[in-house]
Amino acid sequence: MWATQIRSNAAKASISCISVNTQNNRYLSACARLADDHEYLPVTFDERHLKKQARWSELFDGLFSYCIGLYVCMELSHPSPLSKLLSTAEPKDRISYRTIKPWIGDGLLVSSGEKWARNRRLLTPAFHFDVLKPYVGIFSSTANIMADKWRKILSKNDEPLEMFQHVSLMTLDSLLKCIFGQTGSVQNEGRDGSYIRSVYQLTELVMKRFQFFPYLIDWIYYFTPSALQVSPMLQHCPRILALDSDGRGLTDEEIQHEVDTFMFEGHDTTASGLSWCLYNLARHPEYQDRCRKEVMDVMGDRSDVEWDDMSKLTFLTMCIKESLRLHPAVPNIGRSLTKPMTFPDGRTVPAETDLGIAIYGCHHNSALWENPEQYDPERFNAENSKDRPPHSFIPFSAGPRNCIGQHFAMHEMRSVLAVCLKNFQLRIDDTRILELLPQLVLKAKGGLWLKVTPIE
């Protein structure tokens, strides 16, 4: 096994036990010299992986290495090296993003170089605050549709509700209305809606490629039963998304790719962030009550949230940020170096290295956060935030390749949570054991179930 060779020669790489082509040895050796001696990191893609990531972020100064099949990766989880990497426009890594490119195309999430720079420049005005203002009314409207749906369900029985399923439909509803001006609502379709069903299934198929490493080799994967399932699912998306647009300088194909990207990034990631925030508020009724009081003071008798409410929901915003710290919607992202990079501490990483950005590990590093496993919104008050290293909190990444829709997402989360807290009391379902499930976005194994009680 190559793992034995590496441990005997350098003893400095944390890796999963699987064969690797010798052409990668020069990159692995260079990466291994940067990491401290420690045990293996098996890539299990479950809660154990996240916990090890957080622990090793503390033990090894936010820099450790491992392999996924044929690919050598280094993981960064400390503001010092992250500030260097995230200040660049280096492309996304060659492993994870390649697996979703057939799904979302060559949009902002996966494109690089001049194409990425041009499209980012053209699309940025679409997320200006003046453009976002009317969207708050849409967010509020779709949240109220979800609230009405919950009341109907709860009038028949008081069983717990699964958050991801309901919230995912609601965020998709918002996107279809904001991007396409679609009337009506998809929330009554349930999980049988073709797009939602395809998103769930495609996510599961993408994760299968990481769980069995030979599937990361395209020519092997394309002959598997899983690969044969992908094409029919992809057919659902273009039928929904292929709508006219002036493009503002983009070709029809580029528009299609960007819309596919927005539909994925803007619905599934926001649904994860919202679901975890509802969960954390349910776990902490004292913060839930304080948020509800703030919402009632701001909204009064109104059922709809307005743009001017956004800046007044200060404690709710703190709760959202703390939830994104504790349960980041996207626990890992990656970059691939086109040239060598020297970190502030003097260590140099060779070109062609895939660098993972361990957002979960960074957010759970006790060197950066006191009692990191505790949910404490006061971390984000003005006093506690002023001296914090800027790259210690990166739920939307940072730098030139940060999430272009982060303000869209934050306004949607404020609006939806305000409607939910005004209408419902949330409690934990003690009959279920929560286990984190890191997929393309952070979910919970078996779903995230809450007891929901209408407020009359």
Protein backbone atom coordinates (compact mmCIF):
# COMPACT_ATOMS: atom_id res chain seq x y z
CA MET A 1 0.00 0.00 0.00
CA TRP A 2 1.21 3.50 -0.77
CA ALA A 3 0.12 4.58 2.73
CA THR A 4 2.88 2.41 4.21
CA GLN A 5 5.44 3.97 1.91
CA ILE A 6 4.41 7.49 2.84
CA ARG A 7 4.40 6.82 6.57
CA SER A 8 7.85 5.23 6.43
CA ASN A 9 9.35 7.99 4.28
CA ALA A 10 7.70 11.09 5.70
CA ALA A 11 5.18 10.01 8.36
CA LYS A 12 3.46 13.32 7.85
CA ALA A 13 0.31 12.76 5.79
CA SER A 14 -3.14 11.97 7.07
CA ILE A 15 -4.65 9.78 4.40
CA SER A 16 -7.30 7.22 3.59
CA CYS A 17 -6.02 3.74 2.77
CA ILE A 18 -6.39 3.29 -0.97
CA SER A 19 -4.04 2.80 -3.92
CA VAL A 20 -2.72 5.88 -5.69
CA ASN A 21 -0.85 6.37 -8.95
CA THR A 22 2.85 7.05 -8.37
CA GLN A 23 2.67 10.19 -10.50
CA ASN A 24 1.05 11.89 -7.51
CA ASN A 25 3.90 11.05 -5.14
CA ARG A 26 5.80 14.28 -5.73
CA TYR A 27 2.74 16.32 -4.77
CA LEU A 28 1.94 14.06 -1.83
CA SER A 29 5.52 14.23 -0.55
CA ALA A 30 5.57 18.01 -0.80
CA CYS A 31 2.23 18.25 1.01
CA ALA A 32 3.26 15.72 3.63
CA ARG A 33 6.27 17.78 4.63
CA LEU A 34 3.94 20.64 5.56
CA ALA A 35 1.82 18.65 8.01
CA ASP A 36 2.64 17.47 11.52
CA ASP A 37 2.82 13.80 12.54
CA HIS A 38 -0.62 12.43 13.28
CA GLU A 39 -3.00 9.58 12.67
CA TYR A 40 -4.96 8.75 9.55
CA LEU A 41 -8.05 10.67 8.49
CA PRO A 42 -10.46 8.13 6.98
CA VAL A 43 -12.83 9.95 4.64
CA THR A 44 -16.13 8.62 5.96
CA PHE A 45 -18.48 11.46 4.91
CA ASP A 46 -20.48 11.31 8.10
CA GLU A 47 -20.47 13.04 11.47
CA ARG A 48 -17.21 11.32 12.46
CA HIS A 49 -15.42 13.04 9.59
CA LEU A 50 -16.61 16.46 10.73
CA LYS A 51 -15.61 15.83 14.34
CA LYS A 52 -12.13 14.69 13.30
CA GLN A 53 -11.82 17.69 11.04
CA ALA A 54 -12.62 20.00 13.95
CA ARG A 55 -10.24 18.21 16.31
CA TRP A 56 -7.35 18.19 13.86
CA SER A 57 -7.93 21.84 13.04
CA GLU A 58 -6.96 22.53 16.65
CA LEU A 59 -4.11 20.02 16.90
CA PHE A 60 -2.27 20.87 13.69
CA ASP A 61 -2.62 24.66 13.36
CA GLY A 62 -5.33 24.42 10.74
CA LEU A 63 -3.25 22.55 8.14
CA PHE A 64 -3.40 18.81 7.48
CA SER A 65 -3.29 16.55 4.42
CA TYR A 66 -5.03 13.43 3.12
CA CYS A 67 -5.99 11.66 -0.08
CA ILE A 68 -9.29 10.92 -1.77
CA GLY A 69 -8.56 8.07 -4.11
CA LEU A 70 -6.02 9.32 -6.65
CA TYR A 71 -6.17 12.89 -5.43
CA VAL A 72 -3.89 14.45 -2.83
CA CYS A 73 -5.60 17.11 -0.75
CA MET A 74 -4.53 19.55 1.92
CA GLU A 75 -7.09 20.95 4.32
CA LEU A 76 -6.93 24.53 5.61
CA SER A 77 -8.96 25.63 8.63
CA HIS A 78 -7.13 28.58 10.20
CA PRO A 79 -7.55 32.28 9.27
CA SER A 80 -3.84 32.75 8.55
CA PRO A 81 -3.49 30.38 5.55
CA LEU A 82 -7.13 30.94 4.60
CA SER A 83 -6.57 34.68 4.23
CA LYS A 84 -3.82 33.98 1.70
CA LEU A 85 -5.80 31.44 -0.32
CA LEU A 86 -9.16 33.21 -0.27
CA SER A 87 -7.64 36.50 -1.43
CA THR A 88 -6.94 34.85 -4.79
CA ALA A 89 -9.26 33.77 -7.60
CA GLU A 90 -7.74 30.30 -7.84
CA PRO A 91 -10.16 27.82 -9.46
CA LYS A 92 -12.25 25.30 -7.57
CA ASP A 93 -10.67 21.93 -6.79
CA ARG A 94 -10.53 19.16 -9.38
CA ILE A 95 -12.38 16.55 -7.33
CA SER A 96 -15.72 17.59 -5.88
CA TYR A 97 -16.70 20.29 -8.36
CA ARG A 98 -15.96 18.08 -11.36
CA THR A 99 -18.61 15.63 -10.16
CA ILE A 100 -21.38 18.25 -10.20
CA LYS A 101 -20.40 19.98 -13.45
CA PRO A 102 -22.64 17.71 -15.58
CA TRP A 103 -25.51 18.83 -13.35
CA ILE A 104 -25.06 22.61 -13.13
CA GLY A 105 -22.82 23.29 -16.12
CA ASP A 106 -19.84 25.63 -16.26
CA GLY A 107 -21.37 28.44 -14.19
CA LEU A 108 -19.78 30.67 -11.55
CA LEU A 109 -19.43 27.84 -9.07
CA VAL A 110 -17.11 25.72 -11.24
CA SER A 111 -15.77 27.98 -14.01
CA SER A 112 -12.34 29.60 -13.83
CA GLY A 113 -10.02 32.07 -15.49
CA GLU A 114 -11.28 34.76 -17.83
CA LYS A 115 -14.70 33.15 -18.25
CA TRP A 116 -15.30 33.22 -14.49
CA ALA A 117 -14.05 36.82 -14.16
CA ARG A 118 -16.21 38.05 -17.05
CA ASN A 119 -19.39 36.30 -15.90
CA ARG A 120 -18.89 37.35 -12.29
CA ARG A 121 -18.53 40.95 -13.44
CA LEU A 122 -21.69 40.72 -15.56
CA LEU A 123 -23.80 39.03 -12.88
CA THR A 124 -22.79 41.05 -9.81
CA PRO A 125 -25.27 43.92 -10.51
CA ALA A 126 -28.13 41.39 -10.32
CA PHE A 127 -27.43 41.05 -6.58
CA HIS A 128 -27.25 44.76 -5.75
CA PHE A 129 -29.34 45.86 -2.75
CA ASP A 130 -31.72 47.82 -4.99
CA VAL A 131 -32.47 44.63 -6.91
CA LEU A 132 -32.93 42.63 -3.70
CA LYS A 133 -35.48 44.99 -2.14
CA PRO A 134 -38.61 43.64 -3.90
CA TYR A 135 -37.50 40.08 -3.22
CA VAL A 136 -38.19 40.47 0.50
CA GLY A 137 -41.91 40.56 -0.27
CA ILE A 138 -41.54 37.31 -2.24
CA PHE A 139 -39.61 35.66 0.60
CA SER A 140 -42.34 36.68 3.02
CA SER A 141 -45.11 35.46 0.73
CA THR A 142 -43.60 32.02 0.16
CA ALA A 143 -42.88 31.69 3.90
CA ASN A 144 -46.54 32.44 4.63
CA ILE A 145 -47.56 29.77 2.11
CA MET A 146 -45.39 27.31 4.04
CA ALA A 147 -46.93 28.53 7.32
CA ASP A 148 -50.45 27.96 5.96
CA LYS A 149 -49.42 24.49 4.82
CA TRP A 150 -48.05 23.71 8.28
CA ARG A 151 -51.29 24.84 9.93
CA LYS A 152 -53.31 22.53 7.69
CA ILE A 153 -51.04 19.58 8.47
CA LEU A 154 -51.04 20.31 12.21
CA SER A 155 -54.83 20.63 12.29
CA LYS A 156 -55.03 16.93 11.42
CA ASN A 157 -52.22 15.68 13.69
CA ASP A 158 -49.48 17.10 15.86
CA GLU A 159 -46.66 14.87 14.64
CA PRO A 160 -43.19 16.45 14.20
CA LEU A 161 -42.40 18.03 10.83
CA GLU A 162 -39.27 17.31 8.78
CA MET A 163 -37.65 20.69 8.16
CA PHE A 164 -35.47 20.00 5.10
CA GLN A 165 -38.37 18.75 3.01
CA HIS A 166 -40.67 21.70 3.75
CA VAL A 167 -38.02 24.43 3.74
CA SER A 168 -36.41 23.14 0.54
CA LEU A 169 -39.70 23.41 -1.32
CA MET A 170 -40.20 26.90 0.07
CA THR A 171 -36.75 28.15 -1.03
CA LEU A 172 -37.31 26.63 -4.48
CA ASP A 173 -40.65 28.43 -4.62
CA SER A 174 -38.90 31.73 -3.82
CA LEU A 175 -36.24 31.22 -6.48
CA LEU A 176 -38.74 30.40 -9.22
CA LYS A 177 -40.61 33.60 -8.41
CA CYS A 178 -37.54 35.82 -8.01
CA ILE A 179 -35.66 34.57 -11.08
CA PHE A 180 -38.49 33.73 -13.47
CA GLY A 181 -41.47 35.66 -12.11
CA GLN A 182 -43.38 32.39 -11.85
CA THR A 183 -46.88 32.65 -10.40
CA GLY A 184 -48.51 30.03 -8.25
CA SER A 185 -46.55 27.84 -5.84
CA VAL A 186 -44.63 24.57 -6.09
CA GLN A 187 -45.00 23.96 -2.36
CA ASN A 188 -48.12 21.91 -2.78
CA GLU A 189 -46.34 19.43 -5.09
CA GLY A 190 -44.38 17.94 -2.18
CA ARG A 191 -41.31 15.83 -2.79
CA ASP A 192 -42.87 14.39 -5.93
CA GLY A 193 -42.10 17.62 -7.81
CA SER A 194 -39.73 16.60 -10.61
CA TYR A 195 -37.04 19.19 -9.86
CA ILE A 196 -36.97 18.59 -6.11
CA ARG A 197 -36.90 14.84 -6.60
CA SER A 198 -34.06 15.15 -9.09
CA VAL A 199 -32.04 17.37 -6.75
CA TYR A 200 -32.36 14.88 -3.90
CA GLN A 201 -31.40 11.94 -6.09
CA LEU A 202 -28.55 13.70 -7.89
CA THR A 203 -27.06 14.71 -4.55
CA GLU A 204 -27.14 11.10 -3.40
CA LEU A 205 -25.51 9.93 -6.64
CA VAL A 206 -22.74 12.55 -6.41
CA MET A 207 -21.95 11.46 -2.84
CA LYS A 208 -21.71 7.83 -3.97
CA ARG A 209 -18.72 8.81 -6.11
CA PHE A 210 -16.86 9.90 -2.97
CA GLN A 211 -17.91 6.91 -0.90
CA PHE A 212 -16.39 4.47 -3.41
CA PHE A 213 -13.19 6.12 -4.58
CA PRO A 214 -12.77 4.35 -7.97
CA TYR A 215 -15.98 6.13 -9.03
CA LEU A 216 -13.99 9.39 -9.01
CA ILE A 217 -12.35 8.12 -12.21
CA ASP A 218 -14.75 9.20 -14.95
CA TRP A 219 -14.25 6.30 -17.34
CA ILE A 220 -14.99 3.83 -14.54
CA TYR A 221 -17.98 5.74 -13.18
CA TYR A 222 -19.68 6.20 -16.56
CA PHE A 223 -20.15 2.43 -16.86
CA THR A 224 -21.86 2.07 -13.47
CA PRO A 225 -25.62 1.79 -12.81
CA SER A 226 -25.43 5.05 -10.84
CA ALA A 227 -24.13 6.99 -13.85
CA LEU A 228 -26.95 5.65 -16.01
CA GLN A 229 -29.46 7.17 -13.56
CA VAL A 230 -28.02 10.68 -13.91
CA SER A 231 -29.09 11.51 -17.46
CA PRO A 232 -32.86 11.02 -16.96
CA MET A 233 -32.74 13.19 -13.83
CA LEU A 234 -30.88 15.98 -15.62
CA GLN A 235 -33.66 16.11 -18.20
CA HIS A 236 -36.08 17.47 -15.60
CA CYS A 237 -34.02 20.59 -14.93
CA PRO A 238 -33.71 22.13 -18.43
CA ARG A 239 -37.47 21.82 -19.01
CA ILE A 240 -38.07 23.94 -15.95
CA LEU A 241 -35.14 26.32 -16.33
CA ALA A 242 -34.90 27.04 -20.07
CA LEU A 243 -36.67 30.40 -20.01
CA ASP A 244 -35.92 33.52 -22.05
CA SER A 245 -33.43 36.08 -20.75
CA ASP A 246 -31.66 39.00 -22.40
CA GLY A 247 -28.40 37.57 -21.00
CA ARG A 248 -26.69 40.92 -20.52
CA GLY A 249 -23.74 39.77 -22.60
CA LEU A 250 -23.97 36.05 -21.84
CA THR A 251 -24.63 33.39 -24.44
CA ASP A 252 -27.74 31.23 -24.19
CA GLU A 253 -25.61 28.32 -22.97
CA GLU A 254 -23.93 30.50 -20.33
CA ILE A 255 -27.30 31.75 -19.15
CA GLN A 256 -28.47 28.15 -18.81
CA HIS A 257 -25.38 27.23 -16.76
CA GLU A 258 -25.72 30.24 -14.47
CA VAL A 259 -29.42 29.60 -13.90
CA ASP A 260 -28.71 25.96 -13.10
CA THR A 261 -26.04 27.13 -10.65
CA PHE A 262 -28.35 29.64 -8.96
CA MET A 263 -31.10 27.07 -8.69
CA PHE A 264 -28.80 24.65 -6.88
CA GLU A 265 -26.84 27.13 -4.75
CA GLY A 266 -29.82 29.32 -3.97
CA HIS A 267 -32.31 26.68 -2.95
CA ASP A 268 -30.50 23.73 -1.33
CA THR A 269 -27.87 25.70 0.58
CA THR A 270 -30.35 28.26 1.91
CA ALA A 271 -32.73 25.46 2.89
CA SER A 272 -29.93 23.87 4.91
CA GLY A 273 -29.06 27.15 6.64
CA LEU A 274 -32.71 27.84 7.48
CA SER A 275 -33.41 24.31 8.73
CA TRP A 276 -30.42 24.34 11.07
CA CYS A 277 -31.36 27.76 12.40
CA LEU A 278 -34.88 26.55 13.17
CA TYR A 279 -33.32 23.57 14.93
CA ASN A 280 -30.93 25.69 17.01
CA LEU A 281 -33.72 28.04 18.06
CA ALA A 282 -35.85 25.02 19.00
CA ARG A 283 -32.96 23.76 21.14
CA HIS A 284 -32.68 27.12 22.90
CA PRO A 285 -36.15 28.45 23.78
CA GLU A 286 -34.65 31.48 25.53
CA TYR A 287 -33.14 32.69 22.24
CA GLN A 288 -36.26 31.69 20.33
CA ASP A 289 -38.43 33.81 22.64
CA ARG A 290 -36.06 36.76 22.36
CA CYS A 291 -36.12 36.53 18.56
CA ARG A 292 -39.91 36.28 18.56
CA LYS A 293 -40.23 39.38 20.72
CA GLU A 294 -37.93 41.27 18.36
CA VAL A 295 -39.98 40.14 15.36
CA MET A 296 -43.25 41.15 17.04
CA ASP A 297 -41.83 44.55 18.00
CA VAL A 298 -40.68 45.18 14.43
CA MET A 299 -43.64 43.72 12.48
CA GLY A 300 -46.52 44.49 14.83
CA ASP A 301 -49.77 43.18 13.35
CA ARG A 302 -48.34 42.79 9.84
CA SER A 303 -48.16 39.28 8.40
CA ASP A 304 -45.63 40.24 5.72
CA VAL A 305 -42.00 41.21 6.23
CA GLU A 306 -40.80 44.43 4.59
CA TRP A 307 -37.40 45.63 3.40
CA ASP A 308 -37.06 48.19 6.19
CA ASP A 309 -37.48 45.39 8.75
CA MET A 310 -34.20 43.78 7.72
CA SER A 311 -31.87 46.19 9.53
CA LYS A 312 -34.02 46.10 12.68
CA LEU A 313 -33.84 42.33 13.20
CA THR A 314 -30.43 42.54 14.87
CA PHE A 315 -30.68 39.69 17.37
CA LEU A 316 -32.30 37.41 14.78
CA THR A 317 -29.34 38.14 12.50
CA MET A 318 -26.95 37.21 15.32
CA CYS A 319 -28.81 33.92 15.75
CA ILE A 320 -28.57 33.20 12.02
CA LYS A 321 -24.83 33.85 12.00
CA GLU A 322 -24.24 31.67 15.05
CA SER A 323 -26.24 28.87 13.43
CA LEU A 324 -24.15 29.20 10.26
CA ARG A 325 -21.04 28.96 12.42
CA LEU A 326 -22.20 25.87 14.31
CA HIS A 327 -23.85 24.20 11.31
CA PRO A 328 -22.44 25.75 8.10
CA ALA A 329 -24.67 24.99 5.12
CA VAL A 330 -21.59 24.01 3.09
CA PRO A 331 -19.07 22.37 5.45
CA ASN A 332 -16.25 22.10 2.89
CA ILE A 333 -15.18 23.88 -0.28
CA GLY A 334 -11.98 23.60 -2.29
CA ARG A 335 -9.45 25.30 -4.53
CA SER A 336 -6.81 24.00 -6.94
CA LEU A 337 -3.52 25.89 -7.14
CA THR A 338 -2.33 26.97 -10.57
CA LYS A 339 1.01 28.10 -9.11
CA PRO A 340 2.94 27.56 -5.86
CA MET A 341 1.61 29.41 -2.81
CA THR A 342 3.57 30.48 0.27
CA PHE A 343 1.58 30.93 3.47
CA PRO A 344 2.31 33.65 6.07
CA ASP A 345 4.23 31.14 8.23
CA GLY A 346 6.66 30.45 5.38
CA ARG A 347 5.40 27.04 4.28
CA THR A 348 5.01 26.65 0.52
CA VAL A 349 2.46 24.45 -1.25
CA PRO A 350 3.31 23.25 -4.77
CA ALA A 351 1.25 24.01 -7.86
CA GLU A 352 -1.45 21.51 -8.85
CA THR A 353 -2.29 20.86 -5.18
CA ASP A 354 -5.97 20.59 -4.29
CA LEU A 355 -6.61 22.64 -1.17
CA GLY A 356 -9.71 21.95 0.90
CA ILE A 357 -11.21 24.77 2.94
CA ALA A 358 -12.57 23.14 6.09
CA ILE A 359 -15.33 25.60 6.98
CA TYR A 360 -16.72 23.28 9.64
CA GLY A 361 -13.25 22.77 11.13
CA CYS A 362 -12.56 26.50 11.17
CA HIS A 363 -15.91 27.26 12.80
CA HIS A 364 -15.30 24.64 15.51
CA ASN A 365 -11.68 25.49 16.30
CA SER A 366 -11.38 26.29 20.03
CA ALA A 367 -8.35 28.48 19.30
CA LEU A 368 -10.75 30.81 17.49
CA TRP A 369 -14.02 30.22 19.32
CA GLU A 370 -14.52 29.74 23.05
CA ASN A 371 -16.68 26.66 23.73
CA PRO A 372 -17.16 26.11 19.98
CA GLU A 373 -19.84 23.40 20.39
CA GLN A 374 -22.08 25.80 22.32
CA TYR A 375 -24.74 27.85 20.51
CA ASP A 376 -24.17 31.44 21.64
CA PRO A 377 -25.52 34.24 19.40
CA GLU A 378 -23.75 36.86 21.54
CA ARG A 379 -20.54 35.91 19.75
CA PHE A 380 -21.82 38.12 16.96
CA ASN A 381 -22.68 41.27 18.87
CA ALA A 382 -20.64 44.32 17.91
CA GLU A 383 -18.27 44.12 20.88
CA ASN A 384 -17.39 40.44 20.46
CA SER A 385 -17.02 40.70 16.68
CA LYS A 386 -14.71 43.69 16.40
CA ASP A 387 -11.40 41.92 17.11
CA ARG A 388 -12.19 38.58 15.48
CA PRO A 389 -9.91 37.49 12.60
CA PRO A 390 -11.90 38.14 9.41
CA HIS A 391 -11.49 34.63 8.00
CA SER A 392 -12.56 32.80 11.15
CA PHE A 393 -16.21 33.00 10.02
CA ILE A 394 -16.67 32.04 6.37
CA PRO A 395 -20.10 30.43 5.79
CA PHE A 396 -20.22 32.07 2.34
CA SER A 397 -16.48 31.73 1.70
CA ALA A 398 -14.61 35.04 1.26
CA GLY A 399 -12.60 37.03 -1.24
CA PRO A 400 -13.18 37.32 -4.99
CA ARG A 401 -14.76 33.84 -5.25
CA ASN A 402 -17.14 34.26 -2.33
CA CYS A 403 -20.83 33.42 -2.71
CA ILE A 404 -22.35 36.00 -5.05
CA GLY A 405 -25.79 35.41 -3.52
CA GLN A 406 -24.91 35.76 0.17
CA HIS A 407 -27.00 38.91 0.69
CA PHE A 408 -29.90 37.26 -1.14
CA ALA A 409 -29.59 34.29 1.22
CA MET A 410 -29.32 36.38 4.40
CA HIS A 411 -32.40 38.43 3.51
CA GLU A 412 -34.33 35.27 2.72
CA MET A 413 -33.34 33.67 6.02
CA ARG A 414 -34.34 36.77 8.03
CA SER A 415 -37.69 36.98 6.24
CA VAL A 416 -38.57 33.29 6.56
CA LEU A 417 -37.51 33.01 10.20
CA ALA A 418 -39.51 36.12 11.08
CA VAL A 419 -42.66 34.57 9.58
CA CYS A 420 -42.03 31.20 11.25
CA LEU A 421 -41.38 32.68 14.70
CA LYS A 422 -44.42 34.94 14.46
CA ASN A 423 -46.65 31.95 13.71
CA PHE A 424 -45.14 28.96 15.51
CA GLN A 425 -43.46 27.70 18.65
CA LEU A 426 -40.62 25.28 17.90
CA ARG A 427 -39.45 22.38 20.07
CA ILE A 428 -36.97 19.54 19.71
CA ASP A 429 -38.27 16.03 18.99
CA ASP A 430 -36.56 14.10 21.81
CA THR A 431 -37.50 10.73 20.31
CA ARG A 432 -34.94 11.07 17.50
CA ILE A 433 -31.15 11.05 17.73
CA LEU A 434 -29.54 13.76 15.62
CA GLU A 435 -26.59 12.77 13.43
CA LEU A 436 -24.94 15.22 11.06
CA LEU A 437 -24.79 14.20 7.41
CA PRO A 438 -22.24 16.18 5.36
CA GLN A 439 -23.25 15.91 1.70
CA LEU A 440 -22.98 18.72 -0.84
CA VAL A 441 -24.76 20.66 1.91
CA LEU A 442 -24.99 19.84 5.61
CA LYS A 443 -28.06 17.77 6.44
CA ALA A 444 -29.16 15.38 9.19
CA LYS A 445 -29.26 11.62 8.79
CA GLY A 446 -32.91 10.58 8.71
CA GLY A 447 -34.05 14.19 8.48
CA LEU A 448 -34.32 17.11 10.88
CA TRP A 449 -37.59 16.78 12.80
CA LEU A 450 -39.14 19.49 15.00
CA LYS A 451 -42.34 19.75 17.00
CA VAL A 452 -44.25 22.75 15.69
CA THR A 453 -47.12 24.38 17.59
CA PRO A 454 -49.22 27.19 16.05
CA ILE A 455 -49.38 30.47 17.96
CA GLU A 456 -52.95 31.71 18.01
